Amino acid sequence: MNKCINVFNFKILSLVAITSIFSTLSASTLANNIGINHSQLEQYIPLADEDVLLKPTGEGVFVYLDLNNQWSVHLDYQTWQDKEQAAITPIAVDVDLSSIGGSISYVQDNWYASSSIGFSEDNISHRANRSRTDNRQDNTQVTSFSGVLGTNWLTGNWMFDLSMGVQYANWSIENKILNSERAQEDGKPAEEISTSRSNSSTINASVSAARYWGLTQTQGVLAGVMFSWNYQFSGDENLTTFNTPPPPRTTRSQPATSPNISTNPSRVTSGDDNYGQITSYLSYDINQNWSVDVDTSIEVATTNNNLSWAMGINYTF
């Protein structure tokens, strides 16, 4: 119970911080940006006789604030939910994901550095059927710390980016079995709880290319592709494979003139200990203040090569 209260308080305080910073800098002449999106992930839940594919969807809010010409901060919060009935096993599975993170970046000429912190929570409930109470609950919480160093440059209307980063993550996993009244009559406790803790360290590298087409003075289209690779060099491989919090969102939803179009891995990514990801994206500047975007990502060299997508709208002020 205390864990749930702490997580709730952490999320509320973070949202208050986002609102406060947004209100403070709303009159700034720098290129600040706020966006909302709708996205979908893929997550396989292993059961005794099968793996159940869930496709949780949800909404998120993202804030980018330029403190000055060199320093900027990024804050985000997002949730996803889904329910699915297993085909073979008489089990219904509910998944509830949430993610919150923040980062601070520094830009000098064509170089940039970024450090970030993120928190992800993955709640999975198993039920004998949708009308009954849970008979099992799995809760995975991950706190991660990341650092990225990169460079980008312009060639005509083309933008290129190279970056390398490192991430350390703390894992806390709680598995709870809720026994029925009949099981309790046979001597079992009302709840059987097992917990485990671990950590993992990952290095990553990415390369991206994007092109901008100006349609009018205030309208334009930005299209690009990014390839990233992640290698986990310490920690339990099985831990990160079977307990997968949501992946980070790319930060290219910033205005097309932003010097940083690389990823910002503020949260633990999904997948195995050694895997890649290909992301393609398209953004349209409606006018000087408003833009819309869509992106899709697919994992490479993972067990299921999960697919995700997102669409959003952004306001620059």
Protein backbone atom coordinates (compact mmCIF):
# COMPACT_ATOMS: atom_id res chain seq x y z
CA MET A 1 0.00 0.00 0.00
CA ASN A 2 2.80 2.40 0.92
CA LYS A 3 4.49 1.66 -2.43
CA CYS A 4 1.33 2.61 -4.34
CA ILE A 5 1.00 5.84 -2.31
CA ASN A 6 4.65 6.76 -3.00
CA VAL A 7 4.27 6.13 -6.73
CA PHE A 8 1.06 8.18 -6.82
CA ASN A 9 2.69 11.07 -4.96
CA PHE A 10 5.72 10.94 -7.31
CA LYS A 11 3.48 11.24 -10.37
CA ILE A 12 1.40 14.06 -8.90
CA LEU A 13 4.46 16.07 -7.85
CA SER A 14 6.01 15.61 -11.29
CA LEU A 15 2.86 16.85 -13.03
CA VAL A 16 2.74 19.84 -10.69
CA ALA A 17 6.37 20.60 -11.61
CA ILE A 18 5.55 20.41 -15.32
CA THR A 19 2.63 22.81 -14.87
CA SER A 20 4.67 25.23 -12.75
CA ILE A 21 7.58 25.42 -15.20
CA PHE A 22 5.19 25.80 -18.13
CA SER A 23 3.42 28.70 -16.41
CA THR A 24 6.68 30.39 -15.44
CA LEU A 25 8.18 30.35 -18.93
CA SER A 26 5.01 30.85 -20.95
CA ALA A 27 6.04 34.46 -21.65
CA SER A 28 9.54 33.48 -22.80
CA THR A 29 10.76 34.48 -26.25
CA LEU A 30 12.65 31.17 -26.60
CA ALA A 31 11.36 28.21 -28.63
CA ASN A 32 9.36 26.31 -26.02
CA ASN A 33 7.11 23.45 -27.05
CA ILE A 34 4.29 21.40 -25.53
CA GLY A 35 2.70 18.36 -27.15
CA ILE A 36 0.14 15.63 -26.56
CA ASN A 37 -0.03 12.28 -28.32
CA HIS A 38 -1.90 9.02 -28.68
CA SER A 39 0.25 5.91 -29.01
CA GLN A 40 0.15 2.11 -29.06
CA LEU A 41 2.71 -0.48 -27.93
CA GLU A 42 3.00 -4.25 -28.21
CA GLN A 43 3.70 -6.42 -25.18
CA TYR A 44 3.72 -10.22 -24.93
CA ILE A 45 2.61 -11.68 -21.57
CA PRO A 46 3.93 -15.24 -20.96
CA LEU A 47 1.40 -17.73 -19.54
CA ALA A 48 1.75 -21.44 -18.81
CA ASP A 49 0.67 -22.64 -22.28
CA GLU A 50 0.93 -19.55 -24.49
CA ASP A 51 2.10 -15.97 -24.86
CA VAL A 52 -0.68 -13.40 -25.00
CA LEU A 53 -0.17 -10.34 -27.21
CA LEU A 54 -1.52 -7.11 -25.77
CA LYS A 55 -1.54 -3.77 -27.55
CA PRO A 56 -1.91 -1.12 -24.87
CA THR A 57 -2.86 2.38 -26.04
CA GLY A 58 -2.85 5.67 -24.19
CA GLU A 59 -2.14 9.37 -24.13
CA GLY A 60 0.83 11.44 -23.05
CA VAL A 61 2.01 15.02 -22.54
CA PHE A 62 5.50 16.28 -23.45
CA VAL A 63 7.06 19.63 -22.57
CA TYR A 64 10.29 21.11 -24.03
CA LEU A 65 11.57 24.33 -22.48
CA ASP A 66 14.56 26.36 -23.68
CA LEU A 67 16.09 27.97 -20.59
CA ASN A 68 18.49 29.91 -22.82
CA ASN A 69 20.34 29.38 -26.11
CA GLN A 70 22.34 26.46 -24.69
CA TRP A 71 20.29 24.85 -21.91
CA SER A 72 16.92 23.14 -22.24
CA VAL A 73 14.74 20.76 -20.23
CA HIS A 74 12.34 18.03 -21.31
CA LEU A 75 9.51 16.57 -19.20
CA ASP A 76 7.02 13.86 -20.14
CA TYR A 77 4.26 11.69 -18.71
CA GLN A 78 2.38 8.88 -20.48
CA THR A 79 0.08 5.94 -19.72
CA TRP A 80 -1.11 2.88 -21.68
CA GLN A 81 -3.83 0.25 -20.96
CA ASP A 82 -5.21 -2.92 -22.56
CA LYS A 83 -7.16 -6.11 -21.77
CA GLU A 84 -7.05 -9.45 -23.60
CA GLN A 85 -8.48 -12.95 -23.20
CA ALA A 86 -5.99 -15.79 -23.72
CA ALA A 87 -6.85 -18.20 -26.55
CA ILE A 88 -5.92 -21.46 -24.81
CA THR A 89 -5.61 -20.72 -21.10
CA PRO A 90 -8.87 -19.53 -19.42
CA ILE A 91 -7.15 -16.36 -18.24
CA ALA A 92 -7.93 -12.70 -18.91
CA VAL A 93 -4.95 -10.37 -18.77
CA ASP A 94 -5.08 -6.65 -17.94
CA VAL A 95 -2.03 -4.41 -18.39
CA ASP A 96 -1.59 -0.87 -17.09
CA LEU A 97 1.65 0.95 -17.98
CA SER A 98 2.81 4.39 -16.93
CA SER A 99 5.98 6.35 -17.54
CA ILE A 100 7.31 9.67 -16.34
CA GLY A 101 10.68 11.25 -17.04
CA GLY A 102 12.73 14.40 -17.33
CA SER A 103 16.05 15.49 -18.82
CA ILE A 104 18.32 18.49 -19.13
CA SER A 105 20.40 19.16 -22.25
CA TYR A 106 23.33 21.40 -23.14
CA VAL A 107 24.20 22.45 -26.72
CA GLN A 108 27.52 23.93 -27.88
CA ASP A 109 27.91 24.51 -31.62
CA ASN A 110 27.14 21.13 -33.27
CA TRP A 111 27.60 19.13 -30.06
CA TYR A 112 25.13 18.34 -27.31
CA ALA A 113 25.00 16.42 -24.04
CA SER A 114 21.97 15.27 -22.11
CA SER A 115 21.29 13.61 -18.76
CA SER A 116 17.92 12.20 -17.72
CA ILE A 117 15.98 10.31 -15.08
CA GLY A 118 12.88 8.22 -15.66
CA PHE A 119 10.41 6.06 -13.82
CA SER A 120 8.33 3.27 -15.42
CA GLU A 121 5.68 1.04 -13.86
CA ASP A 122 4.12 -2.06 -15.42
CA ASN A 123 1.07 -3.58 -13.67
CA ILE A 124 -0.25 -6.90 -15.01
CA SER A 125 -3.35 -8.62 -13.59
CA HIS A 126 -4.41 -12.21 -14.33
CA ARG A 127 -8.03 -13.27 -13.85
CA ALA A 128 -9.79 -16.62 -14.29
CA ASN A 129 -12.33 -14.61 -16.32
CA ARG A 130 -13.25 -10.96 -16.69
CA SER A 131 -16.05 -11.11 -14.08
CA ARG A 132 -13.90 -12.45 -11.22
CA THR A 133 -11.30 -10.76 -9.07
CA ASP A 134 -7.58 -11.00 -9.76
CA ASN A 135 -5.85 -14.28 -8.91
CA ARG A 136 -2.37 -12.92 -9.70
CA GLN A 137 -0.76 -9.50 -9.89
CA ASP A 138 2.70 -8.65 -11.25
CA ASN A 139 4.17 -5.20 -10.64
CA THR A 140 7.45 -4.08 -12.23
CA GLN A 141 8.96 -0.72 -11.32
CA VAL A 142 12.09 0.65 -12.97
CA THR A 143 14.06 3.79 -12.16
CA SER A 144 16.66 4.69 -14.78
CA PHE A 145 19.47 7.22 -15.16
CA SER A 146 20.84 8.05 -18.61
CA GLY A 147 23.49 10.15 -20.30
CA VAL A 148 23.89 10.95 -24.01
CA LEU A 149 26.62 12.67 -26.02
CA GLY A 150 26.10 13.47 -29.67
CA THR A 151 26.64 15.72 -32.64
CA ASN A 152 24.45 16.89 -35.52
CA TRP A 153 24.91 18.98 -38.63
CA LEU A 154 23.02 20.43 -41.59
CA THR A 155 23.67 19.84 -45.27
CA GLY A 156 21.24 21.88 -47.29
CA ASN A 157 17.78 20.77 -46.19
CA TRP A 158 19.16 17.57 -44.67
CA MET A 159 19.81 17.07 -40.95
CA PHE A 160 22.08 14.28 -39.64
CA ASP A 161 22.72 13.13 -36.10
CA LEU A 162 25.10 10.69 -34.33
CA SER A 163 24.94 9.91 -30.62
CA MET A 164 26.12 7.47 -27.98
CA GLY A 165 24.74 6.95 -24.50
CA VAL A 166 24.74 4.87 -21.35
CA GLN A 167 21.88 3.91 -19.06
CA TYR A 168 21.71 2.43 -15.57
CA ALA A 169 18.40 0.99 -14.34
CA ASN A 170 17.14 -0.26 -10.99
CA TRP A 171 14.47 -3.01 -11.20
CA SER A 172 11.92 -3.89 -8.50
CA ILE A 173 9.52 -6.76 -9.25
CA GLU A 174 6.65 -7.92 -7.04
CA ASN A 175 4.64 -11.05 -7.88
CA LYS A 176 1.46 -11.55 -5.83
CA ILE A 177 -0.86 -14.60 -5.86
CA LEU A 178 -4.35 -14.04 -4.41
CA ASN A 179 -5.69 -17.39 -3.22
CA SER A 180 -9.39 -18.21 -3.34
CA GLU A 181 -11.46 -18.98 -0.25
CA ARG A 182 -11.27 -22.69 -1.07
CA ALA A 183 -7.46 -22.54 -1.23
CA GLN A 184 -7.39 -20.69 2.07
CA GLU A 185 -9.53 -23.42 3.61
CA ASP A 186 -6.85 -25.88 2.48
CA GLY A 187 -4.28 -23.95 4.49
CA LYS A 188 -2.89 -21.42 2.01
CA PRO A 189 -2.57 -17.74 2.99
CA ALA A 190 -4.79 -15.08 1.49
CA GLU A 191 -1.78 -13.65 -0.37
CA GLU A 192 1.54 -15.12 -1.48
CA ILE A 193 4.04 -12.38 -2.29
CA SER A 194 7.51 -12.71 -3.73
CA THR A 195 9.79 -9.78 -4.53
CA SER A 196 13.07 -9.42 -6.39
CA ARG A 197 15.43 -6.54 -7.09
CA SER A 198 18.20 -6.16 -9.62
CA ASN A 199 19.88 -3.63 -11.90
CA SER A 200 21.07 -3.43 -15.49
CA SER A 201 23.50 -1.27 -17.45
CA THR A 202 23.19 -0.58 -21.17
CA ILE A 203 25.14 1.31 -23.81
CA ASN A 204 23.43 2.56 -26.95
CA ALA A 205 24.23 4.29 -30.20
CA SER A 206 22.01 5.89 -32.82
CA VAL A 207 22.22 7.50 -36.24
CA SER A 208 19.45 9.49 -37.88
CA ALA A 209 18.78 11.46 -41.04
CA ALA A 210 15.91 13.84 -41.77
CA ARG A 211 14.92 16.18 -44.58
CA TYR A 212 12.83 19.34 -44.37
CA TRP A 213 10.66 20.68 -47.20
CA GLY A 214 9.52 24.27 -46.81
CA LEU A 215 6.09 24.81 -48.37
CA THR A 216 5.50 28.42 -47.31
CA GLN A 217 7.15 30.77 -44.84
CA THR A 218 5.35 29.06 -41.95
CA GLN A 219 4.46 25.62 -43.38
CA GLY A 220 6.72 22.65 -44.02
CA VAL A 221 7.21 18.89 -43.81
CA LEU A 222 9.93 17.04 -41.92
CA ALA A 223 10.55 13.34 -42.62
CA GLY A 224 13.26 11.14 -41.20
CA VAL A 225 14.48 7.75 -40.10
CA MET A 226 16.57 6.68 -37.14
CA PHE A 227 18.42 3.46 -36.34
CA SER A 228 19.56 2.70 -32.81
CA TRP A 229 21.32 -0.26 -31.18
CA ASN A 230 21.36 -1.22 -27.52
CA TYR A 231 23.71 -3.58 -25.69
CA GLN A 232 23.19 -4.63 -22.09
CA PHE A 233 26.63 -5.25 -20.60
CA SER A 234 25.58 -6.00 -17.02
CA GLY A 235 22.51 -7.33 -15.23
CA ASP A 236 20.16 -10.27 -15.66
CA GLU A 237 19.23 -10.78 -19.33
CA ASN A 238 16.06 -12.74 -18.48
CA LEU A 239 14.95 -9.98 -16.11
CA THR A 240 14.80 -7.34 -18.83
CA THR A 241 13.39 -9.74 -21.41
CA PHE A 242 10.31 -10.88 -19.50
CA ASN A 243 9.63 -7.68 -17.58
CA THR A 244 9.49 -4.96 -20.20
CA PRO A 245 8.38 -1.43 -19.29
CA PRO A 246 7.43 0.89 -22.16
CA PRO A 247 10.12 2.21 -24.51
CA PRO A 248 11.15 5.86 -24.61
CA ARG A 249 9.67 8.25 -27.14
CA THR A 250 11.94 10.09 -29.56
CA THR A 251 12.34 13.81 -28.98
CA ARG A 252 12.13 14.85 -32.61
CA SER A 253 8.69 16.35 -32.01
CA GLN A 254 10.54 19.57 -31.21
CA PRO A 255 10.41 22.30 -33.88
CA ALA A 256 12.22 21.44 -37.10
CA THR A 257 14.81 24.14 -36.35
CA SER A 258 15.86 22.39 -33.13
CA PRO A 259 19.55 21.39 -33.12
CA ASN A 260 18.79 18.08 -31.41
CA ILE A 261 16.81 15.51 -33.38
CA SER A 262 18.22 12.44 -31.62
CA THR A 263 16.61 10.16 -29.06
CA ASN A 264 16.49 10.89 -25.38
CA PRO A 265 16.41 7.53 -23.55
CA SER A 266 15.00 8.66 -20.22
CA ARG A 267 13.44 5.25 -19.60
CA VAL A 268 14.38 1.63 -19.98
CA THR A 269 13.76 0.25 -23.43
CA SER A 270 12.01 -3.01 -24.17
CA GLY A 271 13.70 -5.99 -25.75
CA ASP A 272 16.53 -8.42 -25.12
CA ASP A 273 20.10 -7.73 -23.99
CA ASN A 274 21.33 -6.94 -27.53
CA TYR A 275 18.86 -5.46 -30.00
CA GLY A 276 18.10 -2.62 -32.39
CA GLN A 277 15.22 -0.35 -33.28
CA ILE A 278 14.22 1.41 -36.50
CA THR A 279 12.03 4.51 -36.25
CA SER A 280 10.50 6.51 -39.08
CA TYR A 281 8.64 9.76 -38.56
CA LEU A 282 6.76 12.49 -40.37
CA SER A 283 5.94 15.98 -39.08
CA TYR A 284 3.88 18.75 -40.66
CA ASP A 285 4.15 22.41 -39.60
CA ILE A 286 0.62 23.79 -39.92
CA ASN A 287 1.76 27.32 -39.11
CA GLN A 288 4.33 29.10 -36.95
CA ASN A 289 2.87 27.66 -33.72
CA TRP A 290 1.11 24.37 -34.50
CA SER A 291 2.39 21.09 -35.94
CA VAL A 292 1.26 17.45 -36.13
CA ASP A 293 3.39 14.32 -36.34
CA VAL A 294 3.24 10.55 -36.68
CA ASP A 295 5.92 7.93 -36.12
CA THR A 296 6.34 4.16 -36.03
CA SER A 297 9.09 1.97 -34.55
CA ILE A 298 9.97 -1.70 -34.90
CA GLU A 299 12.47 -3.65 -32.86
CA VAL A 300 15.23 -5.60 -34.58
CA ALA A 301 16.81 -8.86 -33.36
CA THR A 302 14.37 -9.35 -30.46
CA THR A 303 12.15 -12.34 -29.70
CA ASN A 304 8.99 -10.75 -31.14
CA ASN A 305 10.24 -7.60 -32.94
CA ASN A 306 7.50 -5.52 -31.32
CA LEU A 307 5.91 -2.64 -33.22
CA SER A 308 4.79 0.70 -31.79
CA TRP A 309 3.33 3.88 -33.23
CA ALA A 310 2.31 7.36 -32.09
CA MET A 311 0.52 10.43 -33.43
CA GLY A 312 0.54 13.83 -31.80
CA ILE A 313 -0.03 17.55 -31.98
CA ASN A 314 2.46 20.20 -30.78
CA TYR A 315 2.28 23.87 -29.88
CA THR A 316 5.34 26.12 -29.97
CA PHE A 317 5.32 29.31 -27.90
